[in-house]
Protein backbone atom coordinates (compact mmCIF):
# COMPACT_ATOMS: atom_id res chain seq x y z
CA UNK A 1 112.04 79.05 108.09
CA UNK A 2 113.06 81.00 111.56
CA UNK A 3 113.66 84.15 109.29
CA UNK A 4 110.63 83.13 107.03
CA UNK A 5 108.84 83.03 110.58
CA UNK A 6 110.91 86.77 112.00
CA UNK A 7 109.34 88.22 108.89
CA UNK A 8 105.69 87.38 109.37
CA UNK A 9 105.81 88.55 112.62
CA UNK A 10 107.33 91.70 111.64
CA UNK A 11 104.56 92.36 108.75
CA UNK A 12 101.51 91.66 111.59
CA UNK A 13 103.38 93.98 113.92
CA UNK A 14 102.94 96.88 111.73
CA UNK A 15 99.88 95.47 111.00
CA UNK A 16 99.06 96.27 114.57
CA UNK A 17 100.54 99.93 114.07
CA UNK A 18 98.51 100.71 111.08
CA UNK A 19 95.32 99.93 112.45
CA UNK A 20 95.99 102.84 115.69
CA UNK A 21 95.63 104.66 113.01
CA UNK A 22 92.24 106.02 111.83
CA UNK A 23 93.48 107.43 108.27
CA UNK A 24 93.95 103.30 107.48
CA UNK A 25 90.56 103.02 109.12
CA UNK A 26 88.90 105.35 107.00
CA UNK A 27 90.35 104.16 104.12
CA UNK A 28 89.31 100.63 104.83
CA UNK A 29 86.04 101.46 105.08
CA UNK A 30 85.97 103.78 101.60
CA UNK A 31 87.16 99.98 100.48
CA UNK A 32 84.52 98.29 102.08
CA UNK A 33 82.29 101.24 100.35
CA UNK A 34 83.81 100.72 96.97
CA UNK A 35 84.66 97.66 96.74
CA UNK A 36 80.66 96.14 96.85
CA UNK A 37 80.50 99.52 94.16
CA UNK A 38 82.36 97.91 91.92
CA UNK A 39 81.38 94.61 91.20
CA UNK A 40 77.55 95.83 91.32
CA UNK A 41 77.71 98.67 89.17
CA UNK A 42 77.80 98.10 85.40
CA UNK A 43 81.59 99.59 84.36
CA UNK A 44 84.26 98.41 82.07
CA UNK A 45 86.10 96.12 83.89
CA UNK A 46 89.24 97.43 82.74
CA UNK A 47 88.40 100.73 84.72
CA UNK A 48 87.20 98.10 87.74
CA UNK A 49 90.61 97.05 87.59
CA UNK A 50 92.08 100.52 86.97
CA UNK A 51 90.55 101.87 90.57
CA UNK A 52 90.75 98.93 92.02
CA UNK A 53 94.84 98.42 92.04
CA UNK A 54 94.62 102.66 93.25
CA UNK A 55 92.86 102.03 96.12
CA UNK A 56 95.55 98.73 97.03
CA UNK A 57 98.43 102.12 96.61
CA UNK A 58 96.94 104.21 98.36
CA UNK A 59 96.73 101.83 101.34
CA UNK A 60 100.68 100.18 100.82
CA UNK A 61 101.00 104.88 100.64
CA UNK A 62 100.05 104.91 103.86
CA UNK A 63 101.16 102.29 105.27
CA UNK A 64 104.55 103.66 104.40
CA UNK A 65 103.53 107.45 105.12
CA UNK A 66 101.99 105.42 108.71
CA UNK A 67 106.02 103.46 109.11
CA UNK A 68 108.16 106.90 107.75
CA UNK A 69 105.82 109.06 110.42
CA UNK A 70 107.07 106.32 113.64
CA UNK A 71 110.02 106.89 112.49
CA UNK A 72 110.74 110.45 112.06
CA UNK A 73 109.47 111.01 115.81
CA UNK A 74 112.08 108.07 117.28
CA UNK A 75 114.54 109.78 115.42
CA UNK A 76 113.87 113.44 117.18
CA UNK A 77 112.21 114.04 119.91
CA UNK A 78 112.03 118.26 119.39
CA UNK A 79 107.91 118.74 118.32
CA UNK A 80 107.33 119.95 114.83
CA UNK A 81 104.45 120.84 113.40
CA UNK A 82 105.77 119.03 109.94
CA UNK A 83 105.37 115.80 111.56
CA UNK A 84 101.67 114.34 112.53
CA UNK A 85 100.93 111.73 115.28
């Protein structure tokens, strides 16, 4: 149970870091526009499911990208144009 609690705290800390990233916030705002539109629109349910799935995969990859950037910034102190902050 202690391990589960520690994992929960780590996940919450990761989400706090993600909410500091502007690109993640913009993607969440885009989702707030996309999801109601999908429920209102007259689109096939399979296509709605595909769009929602792709949206959540996009959010997952943004979290992965953010974590890799944070890790690379901790590993090296040399400034690089390839690593954004």
